[in-house]
Each structure stands twice: as structure tokens, then as C-alpha cells.
PDB file of all heavy atoms in Angstrom:
ATOM      1  N   GLY A   1      -5.255   6.299  -1.802  1.00  0.00           N
ATOM      2  CA  GLY A   1      -4.359   6.382  -0.622  1.00  0.00           C
ATOM      3  C   GLY A   1      -5.076   5.990   0.607  1.00  0.00           C
ATOM      4  O   GLY A   1      -4.509   5.392   1.496  1.00  0.00           O
ATOM      5  N   ARG A   2      -6.322   6.523   0.814  1.00  0.00           N
ATOM      6  CA  ARG A   2      -7.103   6.155   1.897  1.00  0.00           C
ATOM      7  C   ARG A   2      -7.368   4.670   1.989  1.00  0.00           C
ATOM      8  O   ARG A   2      -7.329   4.052   3.013  1.00  0.00           O
ATOM      9  CB  ARG A   2      -8.413   6.957   1.982  1.00  0.00           C
ATOM     10  CG  ARG A   2      -8.153   8.481   2.200  1.00  0.00           C
ATOM     11  CD  ARG A   2      -9.399   9.210   2.345  1.00  0.00           C
ATOM     12  NE  ARG A   2     -10.024   9.363   1.046  1.00  0.00           N
ATOM     13  CZ  ARG A   2     -11.324   9.192   0.809  1.00  0.00           C
ATOM     14  NH1 ARG A   2     -12.202   8.999   1.773  1.00  0.00           N
ATOM     15  NH2 ARG A   2     -11.818   9.349  -0.473  1.00  0.00           N
ATOM     16  N   LEU A   3      -7.707   4.027   0.899  1.00  0.00           N
ATOM     17  CA  LEU A   3      -7.940   2.604   0.801  1.00  0.00           C
ATOM     18  C   LEU A   3      -6.702   1.862   1.257  1.00  0.00           C
ATOM     19  O   LEU A   3      -6.833   0.952   2.081  1.00  0.00           O
ATOM     20  CB  LEU A   3      -8.333   2.259  -0.619  1.00  0.00           C
ATOM     21  CG  LEU A   3      -8.534   0.710  -0.837  1.00  0.00           C
ATOM     22  CD1 LEU A   3      -9.781   0.207  -0.195  1.00  0.00           C
ATOM     23  CD2 LEU A   3      -8.557   0.451  -2.363  1.00  0.00           C
ATOM     24  N   LEU A   4      -5.599   2.222   0.696  1.00  0.00           N
ATOM     25  CA  LEU A   4      -4.353   1.568   1.140  1.00  0.00           C
ATOM     26  C   LEU A   4      -3.914   1.757   2.552  1.00  0.00           C
ATOM     27  O   LEU A   4      -3.442   0.785   3.206  1.00  0.00           O
ATOM     28  CB  LEU A   4      -3.113   1.916   0.222  1.00  0.00           C
ATOM     29  CG  LEU A   4      -3.251   1.519  -1.240  1.00  0.00           C
ATOM     30  CD1 LEU A   4      -2.241   2.157  -2.068  1.00  0.00           C
ATOM     31  CD2 LEU A   4      -3.212  -0.018  -1.332  1.00  0.00           C
ATOM     32  N   LYS A   5      -4.213   2.916   3.145  1.00  0.00           N
ATOM     33  CA  LYS A   5      -3.931   3.161   4.526  1.00  0.00           C
ATOM     34  C   LYS A   5      -4.821   2.254   5.412  1.00  0.00           C
ATOM     35  O   LYS A   5      -4.341   1.654   6.357  1.00  0.00           O
ATOM     36  CB  LYS A   5      -4.102   4.639   4.864  1.00  0.00           C
ATOM     37  CG  LYS A   5      -3.081   5.496   4.373  1.00  0.00           C
ATOM     38  CD  LYS A   5      -3.383   6.999   4.812  1.00  0.00           C
ATOM     39  CE  LYS A   5      -2.369   7.942   4.122  1.00  0.00           C
ATOM     40  NZ  LYS A   5      -2.713   9.346   4.337  1.00  0.00           N
ATOM     41  N   ARG A   6      -6.087   2.155   5.035  1.00  0.00           N
ATOM     42  CA  ARG A   6      -7.012   1.309   5.788  1.00  0.00           C
ATOM     43  C   ARG A   6      -6.630  -0.108   5.585  1.00  0.00           C
ATOM     44  O   ARG A   6      -6.603  -0.906   6.648  1.00  0.00           O
ATOM     45  CB  ARG A   6      -8.462   1.528   5.208  1.00  0.00           C
ATOM     46  CG  ARG A   6      -9.482   0.621   5.842  1.00  0.00           C
ATOM     47  CD  ARG A   6      -9.864   1.134   7.253  1.00  0.00           C
ATOM     48  NE  ARG A   6     -11.020   0.366   7.702  1.00  0.00           N
ATOM     49  CZ  ARG A   6     -10.816  -0.665   8.629  1.00  0.00           C
ATOM     50  NH1 ARG A   6      -9.668  -0.895   9.024  1.00  0.00           N
ATOM     51  NH2 ARG A   6     -11.909  -1.418   8.997  1.00  0.00           N
ATOM     52  N   ALA A   7      -6.187  -0.618   4.515  1.00  0.00           N
ATOM     53  CA  ALA A   7      -5.763  -2.028   4.333  1.00  0.00           C
ATOM     54  C   ALA A   7      -4.543  -2.290   5.135  1.00  0.00           C
ATOM     55  O   ALA A   7      -4.352  -3.334   5.683  1.00  0.00           O
ATOM     56  CB  ALA A   7      -5.486  -2.217   2.792  1.00  0.00           C
ATOM     57  N   ALA A   8      -3.611  -1.245   5.183  1.00  0.00           N
ATOM     58  CA  ALA A   8      -2.390  -1.417   5.981  1.00  0.00           C
ATOM     59  C   ALA A   8      -2.719  -1.534   7.485  1.00  0.00           C
ATOM     60  O   ALA A   8      -2.152  -2.380   8.163  1.00  0.00           O
ATOM     61  CB  ALA A   8      -1.396  -0.284   5.812  1.00  0.00           C
ATOM     62  N   GLU A   9      -3.773  -0.833   7.998  1.00  0.00           N
ATOM     63  CA  GLU A   9      -4.168  -0.918   9.319  1.00  0.00           C
ATOM     64  C   GLU A   9      -4.702  -2.362   9.609  1.00  0.00           C
ATOM     65  O   GLU A   9      -4.499  -2.887  10.634  1.00  0.00           O
ATOM     66  CB  GLU A   9      -5.302   0.122   9.657  1.00  0.00           C
ATOM     67  CG  GLU A   9      -4.821   1.573   9.670  1.00  0.00           C
ATOM     68  CD  GLU A   9      -5.957   2.477   9.809  1.00  0.00           C
ATOM     69  OE1 GLU A   9      -7.155   2.074  10.012  1.00  0.00           O
ATOM     70  OE2 GLU A   9      -5.703   3.691   9.761  1.00  0.00           O
ATOM     71  N   ILE A  10      -5.508  -2.841   8.690  1.00  0.00           N
ATOM     72  CA  ILE A  10      -6.075  -4.145   8.810  1.00  0.00           C
ATOM     73  C   ILE A  10      -5.020  -5.246   8.904  1.00  0.00           C
ATOM     74  O   ILE A  10      -5.047  -6.171   9.661  1.00  0.00           O
ATOM     75  CB  ILE A  10      -7.114  -4.430   7.704  1.00  0.00           C
ATOM     76  CG1 ILE A  10      -8.312  -3.496   7.832  1.00  0.00           C
ATOM     77  CG2 ILE A  10      -7.524  -5.865   7.708  1.00  0.00           C
ATOM     78  CD1 ILE A  10      -9.180  -3.431   6.603  1.00  0.00           C
ATOM     79  N   CYS A  11      -3.976  -5.010   7.952  1.00  0.00           N
ATOM     80  CA  CYS A  11      -2.916  -6.059   7.920  1.00  0.00           C
ATOM     81  C   CYS A  11      -1.959  -5.963   9.088  1.00  0.00           C
ATOM     82  O   CYS A  11      -1.216  -6.861   9.373  1.00  0.00           O
ATOM     83  CB  CYS A  11      -2.171  -5.933   6.641  1.00  0.00           C
ATOM     84  SG  CYS A  11      -3.097  -6.398   5.232  1.00  0.00           S
ATOM     85  N   GLY A  12      -1.984  -4.791   9.732  1.00  0.00           N
ATOM     86  CA  GLY A  12      -1.063  -4.667  10.898  1.00  0.00           C
ATOM     87  C   GLY A  12      -0.048  -3.537  10.688  1.00  0.00           C
ATOM     88  O   GLY A  12       0.305  -2.887  11.611  1.00  0.00           O
ATOM     89  N   ASN A  13       0.455  -3.426   9.431  1.00  0.00           N
ATOM     90  CA  ASN A  13       1.455  -2.365   9.049  1.00  0.00           C
ATOM     91  C   ASN A  13       1.705  -2.388   7.604  1.00  0.00           C
ATOM     92  O   ASN A  13       1.309  -3.372   6.923  1.00  0.00           O
ATOM     93  CB  ASN A  13       2.774  -2.651   9.913  1.00  0.00           C
ATOM     94  CG  ASN A  13       3.399  -3.941   9.600  1.00  0.00           C
ATOM     95  OD1 ASN A  13       3.741  -4.266   8.454  1.00  0.00           O
ATOM     96  ND2 ASN A  13       3.609  -4.697  10.604  1.00  0.00           N
ATOM     97  N   PRO A  14       2.295  -1.316   7.050  1.00  0.00           N
ATOM     98  CA  PRO A  14       2.547  -1.265   5.630  1.00  0.00           C
ATOM     99  C   PRO A  14       3.377  -2.474   5.038  1.00  0.00           C
ATOM    100  O   PRO A  14       3.074  -2.932   3.940  1.00  0.00           O
ATOM    101  CB  PRO A  14       3.226  -0.013   5.379  1.00  0.00           C
ATOM    102  CG  PRO A  14       2.825   0.872   6.575  1.00  0.00           C
ATOM    103  CD  PRO A  14       2.679  -0.078   7.661  1.00  0.00           C
ATOM    104  N   GLY A  15       4.311  -2.953   5.854  1.00  0.00           N
ATOM    105  CA  GLY A  15       5.138  -4.060   5.421  1.00  0.00           C
ATOM    106  C   GLY A  15       4.298  -5.350   5.152  1.00  0.00           C
ATOM    107  O   GLY A  15       4.486  -6.078   4.196  1.00  0.00           O
ATOM    108  N   ALA A  16       3.375  -5.591   6.117  1.00  0.00           N
ATOM    109  CA  ALA A  16       2.501  -6.686   5.965  1.00  0.00           C
ATOM    110  C   ALA A  16       1.593  -6.561   4.799  1.00  0.00           C
ATOM    111  O   ALA A  16       1.289  -7.549   4.077  1.00  0.00           O
ATOM    112  CB  ALA A  16       1.672  -6.931   7.271  1.00  0.00           C
ATOM    113  N   LEU A  17       1.147  -5.401   4.569  1.00  0.00           N
ATOM    114  CA  LEU A  17       0.262  -5.144   3.341  1.00  0.00           C
ATOM    115  C   LEU A  17       1.049  -5.419   2.104  1.00  0.00           C
ATOM    116  O   LEU A  17       0.624  -6.051   1.182  1.00  0.00           O
ATOM    117  CB  LEU A  17      -0.282  -3.708   3.336  1.00  0.00           C
ATOM    118  CG  LEU A  17      -1.133  -3.393   2.122  1.00  0.00           C
ATOM    119  CD1 LEU A  17      -2.383  -4.312   1.974  1.00  0.00           C
ATOM    120  CD2 LEU A  17      -1.547  -1.887   2.206  1.00  0.00           C
ATOM    121  N   CYS A  18       2.327  -4.979   2.021  1.00  0.00           N
ATOM    122  CA  CYS A  18       3.157  -5.233   0.866  1.00  0.00           C
ATOM    123  C   CYS A  18       3.297  -6.669   0.580  1.00  0.00           C
ATOM    124  O   CYS A  18       3.207  -7.126  -0.560  1.00  0.00           O
ATOM    125  CB  CYS A  18       4.573  -4.534   1.081  1.00  0.00           C
ATOM    126  SG  CYS A  18       4.612  -2.828   0.989  1.00  0.00           S
ATOM    127  N   SER A  19       3.532  -7.448   1.618  1.00  0.00           N
ATOM    128  CA  SER A  19       3.670  -8.883   1.492  1.00  0.00           C
ATOM    129  C   SER A  19       2.413  -9.541   0.927  1.00  0.00           C
ATOM    130  O   SER A  19       2.480 -10.376   0.089  1.00  0.00           O
ATOM    131  CB  SER A  19       4.025  -9.564   2.837  1.00  0.00           C
ATOM    132  OG  SER A  19       5.257  -9.142   3.304  1.00  0.00           O
ATOM    133  N   ARG A  20       1.247  -9.097   1.530  1.00  0.00           N
ATOM    134  CA  ARG A  20      -0.037  -9.594   1.102  1.00  0.00           C
ATOM    135  C   ARG A  20      -0.333  -9.237  -0.411  1.00  0.00           C
ATOM    136  O   ARG A  20      -0.932 -10.061  -1.116  1.00  0.00           O
ATOM    137  CB  ARG A  20      -1.140  -9.153   2.030  1.00  0.00           C
ATOM    138  CG  ARG A  20      -2.433  -9.768   1.770  1.00  0.00           C
ATOM    139  CD  ARG A  20      -3.200  -9.912   3.044  1.00  0.00           C
ATOM    140  NE  ARG A  20      -4.556 -10.413   2.741  1.00  0.00           N
ATOM    141  CZ  ARG A  20      -5.648 -10.226   3.487  1.00  0.00           C
ATOM    142  NH1 ARG A  20      -5.484  -9.639   4.637  1.00  0.00           N
ATOM    143  NH2 ARG A  20      -6.752 -10.742   3.085  1.00  0.00           N
ATOM    144  N   LEU A  21       0.049  -7.999  -0.804  1.00  0.00           N
ATOM    145  CA  LEU A  21      -0.253  -7.581  -2.107  1.00  0.00           C
ATOM    146  C   LEU A  21       0.816  -7.970  -3.133  1.00  0.00           C
ATOM    147  O   LEU A  21       0.734  -7.743  -4.386  1.00  0.00           O
ATOM    148  CB  LEU A  21      -0.470  -5.993  -2.140  1.00  0.00           C
ATOM    149  CG  LEU A  21      -1.617  -5.547  -1.398  1.00  0.00           C
ATOM    150  CD1 LEU A  21      -1.651  -3.978  -1.442  1.00  0.00           C
ATOM    151  CD2 LEU A  21      -2.946  -6.059  -1.990  1.00  0.00           C
ATOM    152  N   HIS A  22       2.022  -8.436  -2.628  1.00  0.00           N
ATOM    153  CA  HIS A  22       3.132  -8.788  -3.423  1.00  0.00           C
ATOM    154  C   HIS A  22       3.655  -7.612  -4.227  1.00  0.00           C
ATOM    155  O   HIS A  22       3.832  -7.613  -5.397  1.00  0.00           O
ATOM    156  CB  HIS A  22       2.813  -9.967  -4.444  1.00  0.00           C
ATOM    157  CG  HIS A  22       2.171 -11.145  -3.737  1.00  0.00           C
ATOM    158  ND1 HIS A  22       2.987 -11.984  -2.959  1.00  0.00           N
ATOM    159  CD2 HIS A  22       0.939 -11.665  -3.755  1.00  0.00           C
ATOM    160  CE1 HIS A  22       2.144 -12.946  -2.481  1.00  0.00           C
ATOM    161  NE2 HIS A  22       0.888 -12.719  -3.005  1.00  0.00           N
ATOM    162  N   VAL A  23       3.890  -6.519  -3.439  1.00  0.00           N
ATOM    163  CA  VAL A  23       4.404  -5.275  -4.014  1.00  0.00           C
ATOM    164  C   VAL A  23       5.583  -4.745  -3.123  1.00  0.00           C
ATOM    165  O   VAL A  23       5.678  -5.154  -1.955  1.00  0.00           O
ATOM    166  CB  VAL A  23       3.333  -4.220  -4.137  1.00  0.00           C
ATOM    167  CG1 VAL A  23       2.174  -4.637  -5.082  1.00  0.00           C
ATOM    168  CG2 VAL A  23       2.749  -3.743  -2.841  1.00  0.00           C
ATOM    169  N   SER A  24       6.352  -3.885  -3.694  1.00  0.00           N
ATOM    170  CA  SER A  24       7.420  -3.248  -2.919  1.00  0.00           C
ATOM    171  C   SER A  24       6.946  -2.194  -2.021  1.00  0.00           C
ATOM    172  O   SER A  24       5.851  -1.516  -2.274  1.00  0.00           O
ATOM    173  CB  SER A  24       8.521  -2.669  -3.863  1.00  0.00           C
ATOM    174  OG  SER A  24       8.078  -1.591  -4.523  1.00  0.00           O
ATOM    175  N   GLU A  25       7.648  -1.900  -0.955  1.00  0.00           N
ATOM    176  CA  GLU A  25       7.286  -0.820  -0.066  1.00  0.00           C
ATOM    177  C   GLU A  25       7.394   0.524  -0.818  1.00  0.00           C
ATOM    178  O   GLU A  25       6.654   1.487  -0.510  1.00  0.00           O
ATOM    179  CB  GLU A  25       8.157  -0.859   1.223  1.00  0.00           C
ATOM    180  CG  GLU A  25       7.750  -1.980   2.122  1.00  0.00           C
ATOM    181  CD  GLU A  25       8.388  -1.870   3.489  1.00  0.00           C
ATOM    182  OE1 GLU A  25       8.492  -0.750   4.014  1.00  0.00           O
ATOM    183  OE2 GLU A  25       8.728  -2.944   4.002  1.00  0.00           O
ATOM    184  N   HIS A  26       8.353   0.692  -1.674  1.00  0.00           N
ATOM    185  CA  HIS A  26       8.566   1.853  -2.438  1.00  0.00           C
ATOM    186  C   HIS A  26       7.232   2.156  -3.299  1.00  0.00           C
ATOM    187  O   HIS A  26       6.773   3.284  -3.365  1.00  0.00           O
ATOM    188  CB  HIS A  26       9.801   1.797  -3.388  1.00  0.00           C
ATOM    189  CG  HIS A  26       9.924   2.926  -4.285  1.00  0.00           C
ATOM    190  ND1 HIS A  26      10.241   4.237  -3.866  1.00  0.00           N
ATOM    191  CD2 HIS A  26       9.666   3.084  -5.617  1.00  0.00           C
ATOM    192  CE1 HIS A  26      10.379   5.084  -4.908  1.00  0.00           C
ATOM    193  NE2 HIS A  26       9.990   4.358  -5.944  1.00  0.00           N
ATOM    194  N   SER A  27       6.789   1.103  -3.949  1.00  0.00           N
ATOM    195  CA  SER A  27       5.540   1.316  -4.693  1.00  0.00           C
ATOM    196  C   SER A  27       4.405   1.649  -3.897  1.00  0.00           C
ATOM    197  O   SER A  27       3.544   2.506  -4.192  1.00  0.00           O
ATOM    198  CB  SER A  27       5.266   0.005  -5.590  1.00  0.00           C
ATOM    199  OG  SER A  27       6.192  -0.243  -6.525  1.00  0.00           O
ATOM    200  N   LEU A  28       4.267   0.990  -2.735  1.00  0.00           N
ATOM    201  CA  LEU A  28       3.132   1.276  -1.852  1.00  0.00           C
ATOM    202  C   LEU A  28       3.183   2.687  -1.350  1.00  0.00           C
ATOM    203  O   LEU A  28       2.136   3.422  -1.347  1.00  0.00           O
ATOM    204  CB  LEU A  28       3.190   0.326  -0.639  1.00  0.00           C
ATOM    205  CG  LEU A  28       2.087   0.546   0.371  1.00  0.00           C
ATOM    206  CD1 LEU A  28       0.763   0.129  -0.284  1.00  0.00           C
ATOM    207  CD2 LEU A  28       2.371  -0.269   1.618  1.00  0.00           C
ATOM    208  N   ARG A  29       4.322   3.216  -1.057  1.00  0.00           N
ATOM    209  CA  ARG A  29       4.513   4.668  -0.585  1.00  0.00           C
ATOM    210  C   ARG A  29       4.116   5.597  -1.675  1.00  0.00           C
ATOM    211  O   ARG A  29       3.416   6.591  -1.484  1.00  0.00           O
ATOM    212  CB  ARG A  29       5.934   4.881  -0.215  1.00  0.00           C
ATOM    213  CG  ARG A  29       6.206   6.217   0.285  1.00  0.00           C
ATOM    214  CD  ARG A  29       5.396   6.887   1.371  1.00  0.00           C
ATOM    215  NE  ARG A  29       5.029   6.018   2.468  1.00  0.00           N
ATOM    216  CZ  ARG A  29       3.992   6.220   3.291  1.00  0.00           C
ATOM    217  NH1 ARG A  29       3.154   7.166   3.087  1.00  0.00           N
ATOM    218  NH2 ARG A  29       3.806   5.317   4.280  1.00  0.00           N
ATOM    219  N   LEU A  30       4.488   5.282  -2.923  1.00  0.00           N
ATOM    220  CA  LEU A  30       4.056   6.160  -4.111  1.00  0.00           C
ATOM    221  C   LEU A  30       2.548   6.198  -4.225  1.00  0.00           C
ATOM    222  O   LEU A  30       1.968   7.209  -4.473  1.00  0.00           O
ATOM    223  CB  LEU A  30       4.716   5.690  -5.425  1.00  0.00           C
ATOM    224  CG  LEU A  30       6.218   5.899  -5.577  1.00  0.00           C
ATOM    225  CD1 LEU A  30       6.700   5.198  -6.834  1.00  0.00           C
ATOM    226  CD2 LEU A  30       6.561   7.356  -5.502  1.00  0.00           C
ATOM    227  N   TRP A  31       1.899   5.071  -4.161  1.00  0.00           N
ATOM    228  CA  TRP A  31       0.441   4.960  -4.300  1.00  0.00           C
ATOM    229  C   TRP A  31      -0.249   5.614  -3.130  1.00  0.00           C
ATOM    230  O   TRP A  31      -1.268   6.371  -3.325  1.00  0.00           O
ATOM    231  CB  TRP A  31       0.009   3.482  -4.343  1.00  0.00           C
ATOM    232  CG  TRP A  31       0.536   2.761  -5.514  1.00  0.00           C
ATOM    233  CD1 TRP A  31       0.782   3.284  -6.792  1.00  0.00           C
ATOM    234  CD2 TRP A  31       0.830   1.381  -5.630  1.00  0.00           C
ATOM    235  NE1 TRP A  31       1.292   2.342  -7.660  1.00  0.00           N
ATOM    236  CE2 TRP A  31       1.349   1.166  -6.933  1.00  0.00           C
ATOM    237  CE3 TRP A  31       0.842   0.330  -4.738  1.00  0.00           C
ATOM    238  CZ2 TRP A  31       1.789  -0.149  -7.326  1.00  0.00           C
ATOM    239  CZ3 TRP A  31       1.254  -0.904  -5.100  1.00  0.00           C
ATOM    240  CH2 TRP A  31       1.697  -1.102  -6.428  1.00  0.00           C
ATOM    241  N   ILE A  32       0.247   5.404  -1.911  1.00  0.00           N
ATOM    242  CA  ILE A  32      -0.342   6.123  -0.725  1.00  0.00           C
ATOM    243  C   ILE A  32      -0.236   7.639  -0.871  1.00  0.00           C
ATOM    244  O   ILE A  32      -1.257   8.344  -0.589  1.00  0.00           O
ATOM    245  CB  ILE A  32       0.284   5.591   0.581  1.00  0.00           C
ATOM    246  CG1 ILE A  32      -0.286   4.135   0.856  1.00  0.00           C
ATOM    247  CG2 ILE A  32      -0.156   6.510   1.766  1.00  0.00           C
ATOM    248  CD1 ILE A  32       0.389   3.475   2.078  1.00  0.00           C
ATOM    249  N   ASP A  33       0.922   8.088  -1.310  1.00  0.00           N
ATOM    250  CA  ASP A  33       1.097   9.514  -1.483  1.00  0.00           C
ATOM    251  C   ASP A  33       0.435  10.155  -2.647  1.00  0.00           C
ATOM    252  O   ASP A  33       0.530  11.286  -2.847  1.00  0.00           O
ATOM    253  CB  ASP A  33       2.582   9.861  -1.522  1.00  0.00           C
ATOM    254  CG  ASP A  33       3.280   9.512  -0.134  1.00  0.00           C
ATOM    255  OD1 ASP A  33       2.658   9.450   0.878  1.00  0.00           O
ATOM    256  OD2 ASP A  33       4.534   9.337  -0.149  1.00  0.00           O
ATOM    257  N   GLY A  34      -0.199   9.284  -3.483  1.00  0.00           N
ATOM    258  CA  GLY A  34      -0.904   9.805  -4.618  1.00  0.00           C
ATOM    259  C   GLY A  34       0.042  10.192  -5.793  1.00  0.00           C
ATOM    260  O   GLY A  34      -0.322  11.024  -6.626  1.00  0.00           O
ATOM    261  N   LYS A  35       1.253   9.713  -5.803  1.00  0.00           N
ATOM    262  CA  LYS A  35       2.281  10.117  -6.822  1.00  0.00           C
ATOM    263  C   LYS A  35       2.266   9.121  -8.002  1.00  0.00           C
ATOM    264  O   LYS A  35       2.902   9.383  -8.943  1.00  0.00           O
ATOM    265  CB  LYS A  35       3.650  10.109  -6.151  1.00  0.00           C
ATOM    266  CG  LYS A  35       3.815  11.217  -5.179  1.00  0.00           C
ATOM    267  CD  LYS A  35       5.116  11.253  -4.519  1.00  0.00           C
ATOM    268  CE  LYS A  35       5.188  12.407  -3.538  1.00  0.00           C
ATOM    269  NZ  LYS A  35       6.474  12.351  -2.874  1.00  0.00           N
ATOM    270  N   ALA A  36       1.470   8.070  -7.892  1.00  0.00           N
ATOM    271  CA  ALA A  36       1.378   7.106  -8.994  1.00  0.00           C
ATOM    272  C   ALA A  36       0.000   6.392  -8.899  1.00  0.00           C
ATOM    273  O   ALA A  36      -0.586   6.249  -7.826  1.00  0.00           O
ATOM    274  CB  ALA A  36       2.469   6.075  -8.944  1.00  0.00           C
ATOM    275  N   ARG A  37      -0.531   6.009  -9.965  1.00  0.00           N
ATOM    276  CA  ARG A  37      -1.865   5.392 -10.029  1.00  0.00           C
ATOM    277  C   ARG A  37      -1.617   3.910  -9.672  1.00  0.00           C
ATOM    278  O   ARG A  37      -0.806   3.257 -10.264  1.00  0.00           O
ATOM    279  CB  ARG A  37      -2.459   5.539 -11.413  1.00  0.00           C
ATOM    280  CG  ARG A  37      -3.874   4.991 -11.562  1.00  0.00           C
ATOM    281  CD  ARG A  37      -4.571   5.383 -12.789  1.00  0.00           C
ATOM    282  NE  ARG A  37      -4.732   6.802 -12.901  1.00  0.00           N
ATOM    283  CZ  ARG A  37      -5.780   7.448 -12.333  1.00  0.00           C
ATOM    284  NH1 ARG A  37      -6.657   6.836 -11.554  1.00  0.00           N
ATOM    285  NH2 ARG A  37      -5.931   8.724 -12.484  1.00  0.00           N
ATOM    286  N   LEU A  38      -2.583   3.402  -8.898  1.00  0.00           N
ATOM    287  CA  LEU A  38      -2.583   2.030  -8.470  1.00  0.00           C
ATOM    288  C   LEU A  38      -3.058   1.127  -9.498  1.00  0.00           C
ATOM    289  O   LEU A  38      -3.978   1.349 -10.243  1.00  0.00           O
ATOM    290  CB  LEU A  38      -3.612   1.954  -7.277  1.00  0.00           C
ATOM    291  CG  LEU A  38      -3.641   0.789  -6.422  1.00  0.00           C
ATOM    292  CD1 LEU A  38      -2.385   0.546  -5.695  1.00  0.00           C
ATOM    293  CD2 LEU A  38      -4.716   1.045  -5.421  1.00  0.00           C
ATOM    294  N   PRO A  39      -2.247   0.021  -9.801  1.00  0.00           N
ATOM    295  CA  PRO A  39      -2.752  -0.956 -10.851  1.00  0.00           C
ATOM    296  C   PRO A  39      -4.032  -1.576 -10.403  1.00  0.00           C
ATOM    297  O   PRO A  39      -4.333  -1.716  -9.232  1.00  0.00           O
ATOM    298  CB  PRO A  39      -1.575  -2.001 -10.845  1.00  0.00           C
ATOM    299  CG  PRO A  39      -0.419  -1.418 -10.257  1.00  0.00           C
ATOM    300  CD  PRO A  39      -0.919  -0.302  -9.318  1.00  0.00           C
ATOM    301  N   GLU A  40      -4.856  -1.887 -11.437  1.00  0.00           N
ATOM    302  CA  GLU A  40      -6.166  -2.368 -11.158  1.00  0.00           C
ATOM    303  C   GLU A  40      -6.212  -3.603 -10.203  1.00  0.00           C
ATOM    304  O   GLU A  40      -7.013  -3.645  -9.321  1.00  0.00           O
ATOM    305  CB  GLU A  40      -6.954  -2.704 -12.460  1.00  0.00           C
ATOM    306  CG  GLU A  40      -8.373  -3.120 -12.226  1.00  0.00           C
ATOM    307  CD  GLU A  40      -9.052  -3.369 -13.499  1.00  0.00           C
ATOM    308  OE1 GLU A  40      -8.672  -3.007 -14.589  1.00  0.00           O
ATOM    309  OE2 GLU A  40     -10.181  -3.937 -13.442  1.00  0.00           O
TER     310      GLU A  40
END
């Protein structure tokens, strides 16, 4: 969660991080909140 929050700050916002990682915002939120394990 901390890693993804920092990456989102670097990218500018969570939406930009989603685009860069090619993932949905829903998945990103689950990972940041610690509700699902991040794929390797």
C-alpha cells in the first residue's frame, strides 16, 4: 500500500499510476487498502 501510494505521488495521481501499470482503479484501490495481494 505504501509503495503504491508513493508511486501514485510520483505519477501525479492514482489514475495516472493505473494507466502506467495497465490496471483498473478498482484493483489499485484494493491493493492500496491491503484488501488484495499485489500481483508480482
